[in-house]
Amino acid sequence: GNNTRTDKIKFMMYFNAAFVHLATCCYFGQMLSNE
């Protein structure tokens, strides 16, 4: 019931944070290598 829903939301939040972290690293990496 409620537990599965909160677990899914928690997982999505972790996944979102990891994705943003990766995207930011790649973005800054490209910026640094361009200079």
N, C-alpha and C. Protein backbone atom coordinates (compact mmCIF):
# COMPACT_ATOMS: atom_id res chain seq x y z
N GLY A 1 0.82 -1.22 0.00
CA GLY A 1 0.00 0.00 0.00
C GLY A 1 0.85 1.25 0.00
N ASN A 2 0.87 1.95 1.13
CA ASN A 2 1.58 3.23 1.19
C ASN A 2 3.08 3.06 1.05
N ASN A 3 3.61 1.98 1.63
CA ASN A 3 5.06 1.78 1.60
C ASN A 3 5.59 1.71 0.18
N THR A 4 4.93 0.96 -0.69
CA THR A 4 5.41 0.82 -2.06
C THR A 4 5.42 2.17 -2.76
N ARG A 5 4.41 2.98 -2.49
CA ARG A 5 4.32 4.27 -3.16
C ARG A 5 5.47 5.19 -2.73
N THR A 6 5.73 5.26 -1.42
CA THR A 6 6.80 6.13 -0.95
C THR A 6 8.14 5.61 -1.44
N ASP A 7 8.29 4.28 -1.51
CA ASP A 7 9.55 3.72 -2.01
C ASP A 7 9.77 4.13 -3.46
N LYS A 8 8.70 4.09 -4.24
CA LYS A 8 8.82 4.46 -5.66
C LYS A 8 9.19 5.94 -5.78
N ILE A 9 8.55 6.78 -4.98
CA ILE A 9 8.85 8.21 -5.02
C ILE A 9 10.29 8.46 -4.60
N LYS A 10 10.73 7.74 -3.55
CA LYS A 10 12.11 7.90 -3.08
C LYS A 10 13.08 7.48 -4.17
N PHE A 11 12.76 6.38 -4.84
CA PHE A 11 13.62 5.89 -5.92
C PHE A 11 13.69 6.90 -7.05
N MET A 12 12.55 7.48 -7.41
CA MET A 12 12.54 8.46 -8.49
C MET A 12 13.37 9.69 -8.11
N MET A 13 13.29 10.09 -6.83
CA MET A 13 14.07 11.24 -6.38
C MET A 13 15.56 10.96 -6.47
N TYR A 14 15.96 9.75 -6.03
CA TYR A 14 17.38 9.38 -6.12
C TYR A 14 17.81 9.32 -7.57
N PHE A 15 16.96 8.74 -8.44
CA PHE A 15 17.30 8.62 -9.86
C PHE A 15 17.44 10.01 -10.47
N ASN A 16 16.52 10.91 -10.14
CA ASN A 16 16.58 12.28 -10.65
C ASN A 16 17.87 12.96 -10.23
N ALA A 17 18.22 12.83 -8.95
CA ALA A 17 19.43 13.48 -8.43
C ALA A 17 20.67 12.93 -9.14
N ALA A 18 20.71 11.61 -9.33
CA ALA A 18 21.86 10.99 -10.00
C ALA A 18 21.95 11.48 -11.44
N PHE A 19 20.80 11.57 -12.12
CA PHE A 19 20.79 12.01 -13.51
C PHE A 19 21.27 13.45 -13.63
N VAL A 20 20.77 14.30 -12.75
CA VAL A 20 21.19 15.71 -12.77
C VAL A 20 22.68 15.81 -12.48
N HIS A 21 23.16 15.01 -11.53
CA HIS A 21 24.57 15.02 -11.18
C HIS A 21 25.42 14.63 -12.39
N LEU A 22 25.01 13.56 -13.06
CA LEU A 22 25.75 13.11 -14.24
C LEU A 22 25.72 14.17 -15.33
N ALA A 23 24.54 14.74 -15.59
CA ALA A 23 24.41 15.75 -16.64
C ALA A 23 25.29 16.96 -16.33
N THR A 24 25.31 17.37 -15.06
CA THR A 24 26.13 18.53 -14.69
C THR A 24 27.61 18.23 -14.89
N CYS A 25 28.02 17.02 -14.50
CA CYS A 25 29.43 16.64 -14.66
C CYS A 25 29.81 16.65 -16.14
N CYS A 26 28.97 16.07 -16.96
CA CYS A 26 29.26 16.03 -18.40
C CYS A 26 29.30 17.44 -18.97
N TYR A 27 28.35 18.28 -18.55
CA TYR A 27 28.27 19.64 -19.06
C TYR A 27 29.53 20.43 -18.72
N PHE A 28 29.93 20.38 -17.45
CA PHE A 28 31.13 21.12 -17.03
C PHE A 28 32.38 20.51 -17.66
N GLY A 29 32.37 19.18 -17.82
CA GLY A 29 33.51 18.52 -18.45
C GLY A 29 33.70 19.02 -19.87
N GLN A 30 32.60 19.17 -20.60
CA GLN A 30 32.69 19.66 -21.97
C GLN A 30 33.16 21.11 -21.99
N MET A 31 32.64 21.91 -21.07
CA MET A 31 33.04 23.31 -21.01
C MET A 31 34.54 23.44 -20.74
N LEU A 32 35.04 22.61 -19.80
CA LEU A 32 36.46 22.70 -19.46
C LEU A 32 37.33 22.23 -20.61
N SER A 33 36.89 21.18 -21.32
CA SER A 33 37.72 20.65 -22.40
C SER A 33 37.67 21.55 -23.63
N ASN A 34 36.64 22.41 -23.72
CA ASN A 34 36.53 23.30 -24.87
C ASN A 34 37.55 24.43 -24.80
N GLU A 35 37.91 24.82 -23.59
CA GLU A 35 38.83 25.96 -23.45
C GLU A 35 40.27 25.60 -23.75
